[in-house]
Amino acid sequence: MKTYKDLNDNLWAYELDGSQDHLIPTEFILITEDEAETIRAEKQLEIITIEPTKEELFAELQVLTAKINALA
């Protein structure tokens, strides 16, 4: 597979035989597998760091509890 990245660092893979080359947008950038792995690792870190903290979840719980109590 040939791996490309778009302008937002999203990864796209196409067949090596060139049969899909007509589908590759001109703004896509051909990258190496090492570069693709780096992007994958960075995106995985983004997913991990987006997890809310205990304090954030507790604050959300308090807001929801207040809304529920207001319904009663």
PDB file of N, CA and C in Angstrom:
ATOM      1  N   MET A   1       0.838  -1.180   0.000  1.00  0.00           N
ATOM      2  CA  MET A   1       0.000   0.000   0.000  1.00  0.00           C
ATOM      3  C   MET A   1       0.882   1.243   0.000  1.00  0.00           C
ATOM      4  N   LYS A   2       0.394   2.273  -0.691  1.00  0.00           N
ATOM      5  CA  LYS A   2       1.026   3.588  -0.653  1.00  0.00           C
ATOM      6  C   LYS A   2       0.214   4.410   0.344  1.00  0.00           C
ATOM      7  N   THR A   3       0.901   5.043   1.274  1.00  0.00           N
ATOM      8  CA  THR A   3       0.208   5.813   2.297  1.00  0.00           C
ATOM      9  C   THR A   3       0.393   7.302   2.046  1.00  0.00           C
ATOM     10  N   TYR A   4      -0.724   8.004   2.127  1.00  0.00           N
ATOM     11  CA  TYR A   4      -0.734   9.454   1.954  1.00  0.00           C
ATOM     12  C   TYR A   4      -1.331  10.089   3.192  1.00  0.00           C
ATOM     13  N   LYS A   5      -1.002  11.375   3.387  1.00  0.00           N
ATOM     14  CA  LYS A   5      -1.678  12.141   4.421  1.00  0.00           C
ATOM     15  C   LYS A   5      -2.348  13.336   3.762  1.00  0.00           C
ATOM     16  N   ASP A   6      -3.472  13.742   4.345  1.00  0.00           N
ATOM     17  CA  ASP A   6      -4.137  14.942   3.833  1.00  0.00           C
ATOM     18  C   ASP A   6      -3.664  16.142   4.651  1.00  0.00           C
ATOM     19  N   LEU A   7      -4.255  17.285   4.421  1.00  0.00           N
ATOM     20  CA  LEU A   7      -3.812  18.512   5.075  1.00  0.00           C
ATOM     21  C   LEU A   7      -4.081  18.518   6.577  1.00  0.00           C
ATOM     22  N   ASN A   8      -4.935  17.601   7.051  1.00  0.00           N
ATOM     23  CA  ASN A   8      -5.239  17.485   8.482  1.00  0.00           C
ATOM     24  C   ASN A   8      -4.529  16.302   9.137  1.00  0.00           C
ATOM     25  N   ASP A   9      -3.546  15.758   8.455  1.00  0.00           N
ATOM     26  CA  ASP A   9      -2.796  14.580   8.921  1.00  0.00           C
ATOM     27  C   ASP A   9      -3.659  13.338   9.073  1.00  0.00           C
ATOM     28  N   ASN A  10      -4.750  13.245   8.316  1.00  0.00           N
ATOM     29  CA  ASN A  10      -5.495  11.995   8.238  1.00  0.00           C
ATOM     30  C   ASN A  10      -4.782  11.110   7.227  1.00  0.00           C
ATOM     31  N   LEU A  11      -4.739   9.818   7.493  1.00  0.00           N
ATOM     32  CA  LEU A  11      -4.006   8.887   6.630  1.00  0.00           C
ATOM     33  C   LEU A  11      -4.939   8.205   5.640  1.00  0.00           C
ATOM     34  N   TRP A  12      -4.409   7.982   4.453  1.00  0.00           N
ATOM     35  CA  TRP A  12      -5.142   7.327   3.376  1.00  0.00           C
ATOM     36  C   TRP A  12      -4.194   6.336   2.711  1.00  0.00           C
ATOM     37  N   ALA A  13      -4.692   5.143   2.380  1.00  0.00           N
ATOM     38  CA  ALA A  13      -3.862   4.115   1.753  1.00  0.00           C
ATOM     39  C   ALA A  13      -4.458   3.714   0.411  1.00  0.00           C
ATOM     40  N   TYR A  14      -3.574   3.513  -0.554  1.00  0.00           N
ATOM     41  CA  TYR A  14      -3.975   3.130  -1.910  1.00  0.00           C
ATOM     42  C   TYR A  14      -3.088   1.989  -2.385  1.00  0.00           C
ATOM     43  N   GLU A  15      -3.604   1.224  -3.324  1.00  0.00           N
ATOM     44  CA  GLU A  15      -2.890   0.065  -3.857  1.00  0.00           C
ATOM     45  C   GLU A  15      -1.565   0.480  -4.509  1.00  0.00           C
ATOM     46  N   LEU A  16      -0.557  -0.365  -4.326  1.00  0.00           N
ATOM     47  CA  LEU A  16       0.752  -0.106  -4.919  1.00  0.00           C
ATOM     48  C   LEU A  16       0.748  -0.189  -6.441  1.00  0.00           C
ATOM     49  N   ASP A  17      -0.177  -0.961  -7.000  1.00  0.00           N
ATOM     50  CA  ASP A  17      -0.163  -1.204  -8.443  1.00  0.00           C
ATOM     51  C   ASP A  17      -0.623  -0.006  -9.277  1.00  0.00           C
ATOM     52  N   GLY A  18      -1.021   1.074  -8.622  1.00  0.00           N
ATOM     53  CA  GLY A  18      -1.435   2.270  -9.351  1.00  0.00           C
ATOM     54  C   GLY A  18      -2.874   2.260  -9.804  1.00  0.00           C
ATOM     55  N   SER A  19      -3.606   1.199  -9.510  1.00  0.00           N
ATOM     56  CA  SER A  19      -4.985   1.095  -9.985  1.00  0.00           C
ATOM     57  C   SER A  19      -5.915   2.107  -9.329  1.00  0.00           C
ATOM     58  N   GLN A  20      -5.503   2.702  -8.236  1.00  0.00           N
ATOM     59  CA  GLN A  20      -6.328   3.683  -7.554  1.00  0.00           C
ATOM     60  C   GLN A  20      -5.754   5.105  -7.615  1.00  0.00           C
ATOM     61  N   ASP A  21      -4.691   5.272  -8.368  1.00  0.00           N
ATOM     62  CA  ASP A  21      -4.032   6.579  -8.421  1.00  0.00           C
ATOM     63  C   ASP A  21      -4.965   7.697  -8.861  1.00  0.00           C
ATOM     64  N   HIS A  22      -5.933   7.388  -9.692  1.00  0.00           N
ATOM     65  CA  HIS A  22      -6.865   8.421 -10.157  1.00  0.00           C
ATOM     66  C   HIS A  22      -7.768   8.923  -9.032  1.00  0.00           C
ATOM     67  N   LEU A  23      -7.802   8.208  -7.917  1.00  0.00           N
ATOM     68  CA  LEU A  23      -8.630   8.593  -6.775  1.00  0.00           C
ATOM     69  C   LEU A  23      -7.891   9.479  -5.772  1.00  0.00           C
ATOM     70  N   ILE A  24      -6.584   9.626  -5.942  1.00  0.00           N
ATOM     71  CA  ILE A  24      -5.768  10.354  -4.971  1.00  0.00           C
ATOM     72  C   ILE A  24      -5.851  11.850  -5.243  1.00  0.00           C
ATOM     73  N   PRO A  25      -6.389  12.622  -4.300  1.00  0.00           N
ATOM     74  CA  PRO A  25      -6.456  14.073  -4.484  1.00  0.00           C
ATOM     75  C   PRO A  25      -5.061  14.691  -4.614  1.00  0.00           C
ATOM     76  N   THR A  26      -4.968  15.751  -5.356  1.00  0.00           N
ATOM     77  CA  THR A  26      -3.670  16.371  -5.617  1.00  0.00           C
ATOM     78  C   THR A  26      -3.027  16.955  -4.361  1.00  0.00           C
ATOM     79  N   GLU A  27      -3.835  17.296  -3.368  1.00  0.00           N
ATOM     80  CA  GLU A  27      -3.261  17.874  -2.150  1.00  0.00           C
ATOM     81  C   GLU A  27      -2.732  16.820  -1.178  1.00  0.00           C
ATOM     82  N   PHE A  28      -2.978  15.542  -1.431  1.00  0.00           N
ATOM     83  CA  PHE A  28      -2.456  14.488  -0.574  1.00  0.00           C
ATOM     84  C   PHE A  28      -0.945  14.400  -0.748  1.00  0.00           C
ATOM     85  N   ILE A  29      -0.259  14.045   0.341  1.00  0.00           N
ATOM     86  CA  ILE A  29       1.197  13.955   0.339  1.00  0.00           C
ATOM     87  C   ILE A  29       1.598  12.510   0.596  1.00  0.00           C
ATOM     88  N   LEU A  30       2.397  11.950  -0.304  1.00  0.00           N
ATOM     89  CA  LEU A  30       2.907  10.591  -0.139  1.00  0.00           C
ATOM     90  C   LEU A  30       3.896  10.576   1.015  1.00  0.00           C
ATOM     91  N   ILE A  31       3.726   9.626   1.950  1.00  0.00           N
ATOM     92  CA  ILE A  31       4.613   9.533   3.103  1.00  0.00           C
ATOM     93  C   ILE A  31       5.131   8.113   3.266  1.00  0.00           C
ATOM     94  N   THR A  32       6.176   7.983   4.060  1.00  0.00           N
ATOM     95  CA  THR A  32       6.739   6.665   4.340  1.00  0.00           C
ATOM     96  C   THR A  32       5.929   5.982   5.438  1.00  0.00           C
ATOM     97  N   GLU A  33       6.158   4.702   5.613  1.00  0.00           N
ATOM     98  CA  GLU A  33       5.470   3.972   6.674  1.00  0.00           C
ATOM     99  C   GLU A  33       5.900   4.485   8.050  1.00  0.00           C
ATOM    100  N   ASP A  34       7.164   4.888   8.181  1.00  0.00           N
ATOM    101  CA  ASP A  34       7.624   5.456   9.453  1.00  0.00           C
ATOM    102  C   ASP A  34       6.871   6.745   9.778  1.00  0.00           C
ATOM    103  N   GLU A  35       6.672   7.597   8.765  1.00  0.00           N
ATOM    104  CA  GLU A  35       5.915   8.827   8.973  1.00  0.00           C
ATOM    105  C   GLU A  35       4.468   8.513   9.356  1.00  0.00           C
ATOM    106  N   ALA A  36       3.897   7.511   8.703  1.00  0.00           N
ATOM    107  CA  ALA A  36       2.522   7.114   9.019  1.00  0.00           C
ATOM    108  C   ALA A  36       2.420   6.610  10.454  1.00  0.00           C
ATOM    109  N   GLU A  37       3.395   5.837  10.896  1.00  0.00           N
ATOM    110  CA  GLU A  37       3.387   5.334  12.276  1.00  0.00           C
ATOM    111  C   GLU A  37       3.494   6.474  13.278  1.00  0.00           C
ATOM    112  N   THR A  38       4.293   7.487  12.954  1.00  0.00           N
ATOM    113  CA  THR A  38       4.411   8.654  13.830  1.00  0.00           C
ATOM    114  C   THR A  38       3.070   9.367  13.958  1.00  0.00           C
ATOM    115  N   ILE A  39       2.382   9.546  12.827  1.00  0.00           N
ATOM    116  CA  ILE A  39       1.072  10.199  12.843  1.00  0.00           C
ATOM    117  C   ILE A  39       0.077   9.364  13.634  1.00  0.00           C
ATOM    118  N   ARG A  40       0.093   8.046  13.435  1.00  0.00           N
ATOM    119  CA  ARG A  40      -0.817   7.170  14.186  1.00  0.00           C
ATOM    120  C   ARG A  40      -0.571   7.299  15.690  1.00  0.00           C
ATOM    121  N   ALA A  41       0.701   7.317  16.085  1.00  0.00           N
ATOM    122  CA  ALA A  41       1.041   7.421  17.503  1.00  0.00           C
ATOM    123  C   ALA A  41       0.573   8.756  18.068  1.00  0.00           C
ATOM    124  N   GLU A  42       0.757   9.844  17.301  1.00  0.00           N
ATOM    125  CA  GLU A  42       0.312  11.161  17.759  1.00  0.00           C
ATOM    126  C   GLU A  42      -1.205  11.198  17.916  1.00  0.00           C
ATOM    127  N   LYS A  43      -1.915  10.618  16.959  1.00  0.00           N
ATOM    128  CA  LYS A  43      -3.372  10.602  17.042  1.00  0.00           C
ATOM    129  C   LYS A  43      -3.848   9.752  18.216  1.00  0.00           C
ATOM    130  N   GLN A  44      -3.144   8.674  18.498  1.00  0.00           N
ATOM    131  CA  GLN A  44      -3.491   7.839  19.658  1.00  0.00           C
ATOM    132  C   GLN A  44      -3.298   8.623  20.943  1.00  0.00           C
ATOM    133  N   LEU A  45      -2.230   9.401  21.023  1.00  0.00           N
ATOM    134  CA  LEU A  45      -2.005  10.237  22.198  1.00  0.00           C
ATOM    135  C   LEU A  45      -3.112  11.266  22.355  1.00  0.00           C
ATOM    136  N   GLU A  46      -3.572  11.850  21.238  1.00  0.00           N
ATOM    137  CA  GLU A  46      -4.670  12.811  21.290  1.00  0.00           C
ATOM    138  C   GLU A  46      -5.909  12.155  21.893  1.00  0.00           C
ATOM    139  N   ILE A  47      -6.188  10.934  21.483  1.00  0.00           N
ATOM    140  CA  ILE A  47      -7.361  10.224  21.982  1.00  0.00           C
ATOM    141  C   ILE A  47      -7.215   9.966  23.477  1.00  0.00           C
ATOM    142  N   ILE A  48      -6.036   9.578  23.883  1.00  0.00           N
ATOM    143  CA  ILE A  48      -5.794   9.277  25.292  1.00  0.00           C
ATOM    144  C   ILE A  48      -5.893  10.542  26.136  1.00  0.00           C
ATOM    145  N   THR A  49      -5.326  11.656  25.670  1.00  0.00           N
ATOM    146  CA  THR A  49      -5.301  12.873  26.473  1.00  0.00           C
ATOM    147  C   THR A  49      -6.638  13.595  26.475  1.00  0.00           C
ATOM    148  N   ILE A  50      -7.542  13.236  25.605  1.00  0.00           N
ATOM    149  CA  ILE A  50      -8.852  13.863  25.582  1.00  0.00           C
ATOM    150  C   ILE A  50      -9.729  13.329  26.714  1.00  0.00           C
ATOM    151  N   GLU A  51      -9.371  12.212  27.293  1.00  0.00           N
ATOM    152  CA  GLU A  51     -10.149  11.633  28.383  1.00  0.00           C
ATOM    153  C   GLU A  51     -10.338  12.672  29.484  1.00  0.00           C
ATOM    154  N   PRO A  52     -11.566  12.847  29.963  1.00  0.00           N
ATOM    155  CA  PRO A  52     -11.795  13.821  31.030  1.00  0.00           C
ATOM    156  C   PRO A  52     -11.186  13.361  32.352  1.00  0.00           C
ATOM    157  N   THR A  53     -10.848  14.330  33.169  1.00  0.00           N
ATOM    158  CA  THR A  53     -10.309  14.015  34.491  1.00  0.00           C
ATOM    159  C   THR A  53     -11.452  13.664  35.442  1.00  0.00           C
ATOM    160  N   LYS A  54     -11.099  13.156  36.604  1.00  0.00           N
ATOM    161  CA  LYS A  54     -12.096  12.833  37.624  1.00  0.00           C
ATOM    162  C   LYS A  54     -12.849  14.098  38.027  1.00  0.00           C
ATOM    163  N   GLU A  55     -12.141  15.195  38.154  1.00  0.00           N
ATOM    164  CA  GLU A  55     -12.755  16.455  38.547  1.00  0.00           C
ATOM    165  C   GLU A  55     -13.746  16.954  37.492  1.00  0.00           C
ATOM    166  N   GLU A  56     -13.375  16.816  36.230  1.00  0.00           N
ATOM    167  CA  GLU A  56     -14.277  17.236  35.148  1.00  0.00           C
ATOM    168  C   GLU A  56     -15.544  16.380  35.131  1.00  0.00           C
ATOM    169  N   LEU A  57     -15.379  15.082  35.301  1.00  0.00           N
ATOM    170  CA  LEU A  57     -16.543  14.199  35.336  1.00  0.00           C
ATOM    171  C   LEU A  57     -17.434  14.496  36.536  1.00  0.00           C
ATOM    172  N   PHE A  58     -16.822  14.784  37.686  1.00  0.00           N
ATOM    173  CA  PHE A  58     -17.597  15.104  38.868  1.00  0.00           C
ATOM    174  C   PHE A  58     -18.382  16.401  38.668  1.00  0.00           C
ATOM    175  N   ALA A  59     -17.765  17.392  38.027  1.00  0.00           N
ATOM    176  CA  ALA A  59     -18.453  18.648  37.752  1.00  0.00           C
ATOM    177  C   ALA A  59     -19.641  18.414  36.820  1.00  0.00           C
ATOM    178  N   GLU A  60     -19.458  17.573  35.807  1.00  0.00           N
ATOM    179  CA  GLU A  60     -20.566  17.232  34.902  1.00  0.00           C
ATOM    180  C   GLU A  60     -21.685  16.525  35.668  1.00  0.00           C
ATOM    181  N   LEU A  61     -21.301  15.639  36.566  1.00  0.00           N
ATOM    182  CA  LEU A  61     -22.285  14.922  37.376  1.00  0.00           C
ATOM    183  C   LEU A  61     -23.100  15.887  38.236  1.00  0.00           C
ATOM    184  N   GLN A  62     -22.443  16.862  38.812  1.00  0.00           N
ATOM    185  CA  GLN A  62     -23.150  17.847  39.625  1.00  0.00           C
ATOM    186  C   GLN A  62     -24.160  18.646  38.800  1.00  0.00           C
ATOM    187  N   VAL A  63     -23.771  19.023  37.585  1.00  0.00           N
ATOM    188  CA  VAL A  63     -24.678  19.754  36.703  1.00  0.00           C
ATOM    189  C   VAL A  63     -25.879  18.890  36.358  1.00  0.00           C
ATOM    190  N   LEU A  64     -25.630  17.644  36.001  1.00  0.00           N
ATOM    191  CA  LEU A  64     -26.728  16.733  35.655  1.00  0.00           C
ATOM    192  C   LEU A  64     -27.632  16.465  36.859  1.00  0.00           C
ATOM    193  N   THR A  65     -27.046  16.310  38.023  1.00  0.00           N
ATOM    194  CA  THR A  65     -27.833  16.080  39.231  1.00  0.00           C
ATOM    195  C   THR A  65     -28.742  17.283  39.505  1.00  0.00           C
ATOM    196  N   ALA A  66     -28.216  18.470  39.336  1.00  0.00           N
ATOM    197  CA  ALA A  66     -29.029  19.678  39.540  1.00  0.00           C
ATOM    198  C   ALA A  66     -30.173  19.727  38.546  1.00  0.00           C
ATOM    199  N   LYS A  67     -29.920  19.357  37.297  1.00  0.00           N
ATOM    200  CA  LYS A  67     -30.990  19.343  36.286  1.00  0.00           C
ATOM    201  C   LYS A  67     -32.063  18.311  36.634  1.00  0.00           C
ATOM    202  N   ILE A  68     -31.631  17.143  37.102  1.00  0.00           N
ATOM    203  CA  ILE A  68     -32.581  16.093  37.487  1.00  0.00           C
ATOM    204  C   ILE A  68     -33.411  16.562  38.671  1.00  0.00           C
ATOM    205  N   ASN A  69     -32.779  17.141  39.660  1.00  0.00           N
ATOM    206  CA  ASN A  69     -33.497  17.630  40.840  1.00  0.00           C
ATOM    207  C   ASN A  69     -34.487  18.736  40.476  1.00  0.00           C
ATOM    208  N   ALA A  70     -34.156  19.536  39.479  1.00  0.00           N
ATOM    209  CA  ALA A  70     -35.063  20.602  39.056  1.00  0.00           C
ATOM    210  C   ALA A  70     -36.309  20.037  38.394  1.00  0.00           C
ATOM    211  N   LEU A  71     -36.251  18.834  37.884  1.00  0.00           N
ATOM    212  CA  LEU A  71     -37.406  18.196  37.247  1.00  0.00           C
ATOM    213  C   LEU A  71     -38.391  17.642  38.276  1.00  0.00           C
ATOM    214  N   ALA A  72     -37.901  17.341  39.439  1.00  0.00           N
ATOM    215  CA  ALA A  72     -38.742  16.700  40.458  1.00  0.00           C
ATOM    216  C   ALA A  72     -39.721  17.650  41.114  1.00  0.00           C
TER     217      ALA A  72
END
